[in-house]
């Protein structure tokens, strides 16, 4: 059985040479193919850009991850609703703060649970 979610630790060695999935926390519930199609082979960072109070903290932590490690790619997954676009905003701000240009692929899930 899996333990409780752990806070992101920017120094963690599993970030080195990683492909990241940075996802809204609603995606695993809305999209049935989350594990097989989006998460497989990637390291997950997950949060809610609407309900989590510390968006600046996410930007700081992601920027530190990007600075400390070689990240091969980033996939951003969010819902089609306007409030969910904040996930991409956080990633873009963190990349800017870190001074890094890492390829970003964006995946949008509809409210019906399909990929756009």
C-alpha atoms as a PDB file:
ATOM      1  CA  UNK A   1       0.000   0.000   0.000  1.00  0.00           C
ATOM      2  CA  UNK A   2       1.302   3.465  -0.866  1.00  0.00           C
ATOM      3  CA  UNK A   3       2.043   5.927   1.878  1.00  0.00           C
ATOM      4  CA  UNK A   4       0.833   9.515   2.133  1.00  0.00           C
ATOM      5  CA  UNK A   5       1.866  12.067  -0.467  1.00  0.00           C
ATOM      6  CA  UNK A   6       5.223  13.632   0.258  1.00  0.00           C
ATOM      7  CA  UNK A   7       6.226  17.241  -0.322  1.00  0.00           C
ATOM      8  CA  UNK A   8       8.426  17.826  -3.336  1.00  0.00           C
ATOM      9  CA  UNK A   9      12.114  17.759  -2.409  1.00  0.00           C
ATOM     10  CA  UNK A  10      14.112  19.618  -5.090  1.00  0.00           C
ATOM     11  CA  UNK A  11      17.373  17.825  -4.152  1.00  0.00           C
ATOM     12  CA  UNK A  12      15.849  14.354  -4.680  1.00  0.00           C
ATOM     13  CA  UNK A  13      18.067  12.271  -6.973  1.00  0.00           C
ATOM     14  CA  UNK A  14      15.147  10.887  -8.984  1.00  0.00           C
ATOM     15  CA  UNK A  15      14.808  14.273 -10.707  1.00  0.00           C
ATOM     16  CA  UNK A  16      18.181  13.845 -12.458  1.00  0.00           C
ATOM     17  CA  UNK A  17      17.710  13.106 -16.187  1.00  0.00           C
ATOM     18  CA  UNK A  18      13.966  12.841 -15.597  1.00  0.00           C
ATOM     19  CA  UNK A  19      10.951  13.296 -17.771  1.00  0.00           C
ATOM     20  CA  UNK A  20       8.420  15.132 -15.604  1.00  0.00           C
ATOM     21  CA  UNK A  21       4.640  15.057 -15.527  1.00  0.00           C
ATOM     22  CA  UNK A  22       3.387  18.212 -13.852  1.00  0.00           C
ATOM     23  CA  UNK A  23      -0.315  17.672 -13.407  1.00  0.00           C
ATOM     24  CA  UNK A  24      -3.406  19.225 -11.926  1.00  0.00           C
ATOM     25  CA  UNK A  25      -4.522  16.992  -9.080  1.00  0.00           C
ATOM     26  CA  UNK A  26      -7.929  16.377 -10.695  1.00  0.00           C
ATOM     27  CA  UNK A  27      -6.453  14.718 -13.817  1.00  0.00           C
ATOM     28  CA  UNK A  28      -6.033  11.193 -12.355  1.00  0.00           C
ATOM     29  CA  UNK A  29      -9.741  11.203 -11.474  1.00  0.00           C
ATOM     30  CA  UNK A  30     -10.960  12.732 -14.735  1.00  0.00           C
ATOM     31  CA  UNK A  31      -8.831  10.750 -17.192  1.00  0.00           C
ATOM     32  CA  UNK A  32      -8.909   6.955 -17.092  1.00  0.00           C
ATOM     33  CA  UNK A  33      -5.648   6.628 -19.041  1.00  0.00           C
ATOM     34  CA  UNK A  34      -3.675   8.748 -16.576  1.00  0.00           C
ATOM     35  CA  UNK A  35      -1.280   6.036 -15.382  1.00  0.00           C
ATOM     36  CA  UNK A  36      -0.729   4.217 -18.654  1.00  0.00           C
ATOM     37  CA  UNK A  37      -0.709   7.171 -21.078  1.00  0.00           C
ATOM     38  CA  UNK A  38       0.513  10.171 -19.079  1.00  0.00           C
ATOM     39  CA  UNK A  39       2.453   8.994 -16.016  1.00  0.00           C
ATOM     40  CA  UNK A  40       4.290   5.945 -17.361  1.00  0.00           C
ATOM     41  CA  UNK A  41       8.049   6.646 -17.412  1.00  0.00           C
ATOM     42  CA  UNK A  42       7.716  10.073 -15.802  1.00  0.00           C
ATOM     43  CA  UNK A  43       8.247  11.579 -12.361  1.00  0.00           C
ATOM     44  CA  UNK A  44       5.036  13.174 -11.044  1.00  0.00           C
ATOM     45  CA  UNK A  45       4.609  16.619  -9.501  1.00  0.00           C
ATOM     46  CA  UNK A  46       0.938  17.259  -8.758  1.00  0.00           C
ATOM     47  CA  UNK A  47      -1.004  20.214  -7.352  1.00  0.00           C
ATOM     48  CA  UNK A  48      -4.119  22.362  -7.779  1.00  0.00           C
ATOM     49  CA  UNK A  49      -3.445  25.829  -9.134  1.00  0.00           C
ATOM     50  CA  UNK A  50      -6.841  27.041  -7.909  1.00  0.00           C
ATOM     51  CA  UNK A  51      -7.194  25.610  -4.406  1.00  0.00           C
ATOM     52  CA  UNK A  52      -3.592  25.336  -3.188  1.00  0.00           C
ATOM     53  CA  UNK A  53      -2.648  28.549  -1.381  1.00  0.00           C
ATOM     54  CA  UNK A  54       1.115  28.635  -2.074  1.00  0.00           C
ATOM     55  CA  UNK A  55       1.506  29.033  -5.856  1.00  0.00           C
ATOM     56  CA  UNK A  56       4.689  31.069  -5.363  1.00  0.00           C
ATOM     57  CA  UNK A  57       6.076  28.160  -3.347  1.00  0.00           C
ATOM     58  CA  UNK A  58       5.433  25.809  -6.285  1.00  0.00           C
ATOM     59  CA  UNK A  59       7.205  28.196  -8.635  1.00  0.00           C
ATOM     60  CA  UNK A  60      10.193  28.341  -6.265  1.00  0.00           C
ATOM     61  CA  UNK A  61      10.414  24.561  -5.831  1.00  0.00           C
ATOM     62  CA  UNK A  62      10.068  23.822  -9.534  1.00  0.00           C
ATOM     63  CA  UNK A  63      12.648  26.489 -10.371  1.00  0.00           C
ATOM     64  CA  UNK A  64      15.048  24.864  -7.915  1.00  0.00           C
ATOM     65  CA  UNK A  65      14.433  21.438  -9.484  1.00  0.00           C
ATOM     66  CA  UNK A  66      15.078  22.886 -12.940  1.00  0.00           C
ATOM     67  CA  UNK A  67      18.295  24.586 -11.755  1.00  0.00           C
ATOM     68  CA  UNK A  68      19.701  21.575  -9.871  1.00  0.00           C
ATOM     69  CA  UNK A  69      18.913  18.815 -12.341  1.00  0.00           C
ATOM     70  CA  UNK A  70      19.008  17.938 -15.986  1.00  0.00           C
ATOM     71  CA  UNK A  71      15.352  17.589 -16.924  1.00  0.00           C
ATOM     72  CA  UNK A  72      14.806  15.950 -20.310  1.00  0.00           C
ATOM     73  CA  UNK A  73      11.188  16.964 -20.829  1.00  0.00           C
ATOM     74  CA  UNK A  74       8.084  18.262 -19.124  1.00  0.00           C
ATOM     75  CA  UNK A  75       4.507  17.242 -19.789  1.00  0.00           C
ATOM     76  CA  UNK A  76       1.889  19.562 -18.300  1.00  0.00           C
ATOM     77  CA  UNK A  77      -1.570  18.031 -17.830  1.00  0.00           C
ATOM     78  CA  UNK A  78      -4.599  20.110 -16.899  1.00  0.00           C
ATOM     79  CA  UNK A  79      -8.342  20.242 -17.361  1.00  0.00           C
ATOM     80  CA  UNK A  80      -9.991  22.410 -20.013  1.00  0.00           C
ATOM     81  CA  UNK A  81     -11.566  24.678 -17.367  1.00  0.00           C
ATOM     82  CA  UNK A  82     -10.025  28.180 -17.064  1.00  0.00           C
ATOM     83  CA  UNK A  83      -8.792  27.818 -13.475  1.00  0.00           C
ATOM     84  CA  UNK A  84      -6.669  24.821 -14.440  1.00  0.00           C
ATOM     85  CA  UNK A  85      -4.487  26.784 -16.864  1.00  0.00           C
ATOM     86  CA  UNK A  86      -2.584  27.945 -13.786  1.00  0.00           C
ATOM     87  CA  UNK A  87      -0.586  24.706 -13.908  1.00  0.00           C
ATOM     88  CA  UNK A  88       1.080  25.821 -17.146  1.00  0.00           C
ATOM     89  CA  UNK A  89       1.560  29.323 -15.691  1.00  0.00           C
ATOM     90  CA  UNK A  90       3.481  27.846 -12.724  1.00  0.00           C
ATOM     91  CA  UNK A  91       5.712  25.783 -15.031  1.00  0.00           C
ATOM     92  CA  UNK A  92       6.425  28.743 -17.330  1.00  0.00           C
ATOM     93  CA  UNK A  93       7.269  31.027 -14.398  1.00  0.00           C
ATOM     94  CA  UNK A  94       9.554  28.380 -12.863  1.00  0.00           C
ATOM     95  CA  UNK A  95      11.384  27.865 -16.163  1.00  0.00           C
ATOM     96  CA  UNK A  96      11.821  31.619 -16.483  1.00  0.00           C
ATOM     97  CA  UNK A  97      13.093  31.936 -12.909  1.00  0.00           C
ATOM     98  CA  UNK A  98      15.523  29.032 -13.433  1.00  0.00           C
ATOM     99  CA  UNK A  99      16.735  30.444 -16.749  1.00  0.00           C
ATOM    100  CA  UNK A 100      16.094  27.089 -18.436  1.00  0.00           C
ATOM    101  CA  UNK A 101      14.623  26.119 -21.798  1.00  0.00           C
ATOM    102  CA  UNK A 102      13.184  22.633 -21.327  1.00  0.00           C
ATOM    103  CA  UNK A 103      10.759  21.169 -23.861  1.00  0.00           C
ATOM    104  CA  UNK A 104       7.162  21.357 -22.592  1.00  0.00           C
ATOM    105  CA  UNK A 105       4.303  19.290 -23.982  1.00  0.00           C
ATOM    106  CA  UNK A 106       0.817  20.298 -22.893  1.00  0.00           C
ATOM    107  CA  UNK A 107      -2.097  17.875 -22.545  1.00  0.00           C
ATOM    108  CA  UNK A 108      -5.619  19.128 -21.909  1.00  0.00           C
ATOM    109  CA  UNK A 109      -8.377  16.883 -20.589  1.00  0.00           C
ATOM    110  CA  UNK A 110     -12.032  17.698 -21.263  1.00  0.00           C
ATOM    111  CA  UNK A 111     -14.656  17.659 -18.536  1.00  0.00           C
ATOM    112  CA  UNK A 112     -15.897  14.452 -20.230  1.00  0.00           C
ATOM    113  CA  UNK A 113     -12.528  12.779 -19.593  1.00  0.00           C
ATOM    114  CA  UNK A 114     -11.022  12.928 -23.086  1.00  0.00           C
ATOM    115  CA  UNK A 115      -7.763  14.381 -24.374  1.00  0.00           C
ATOM    116  CA  UNK A 116      -8.131  17.441 -26.597  1.00  0.00           C
END
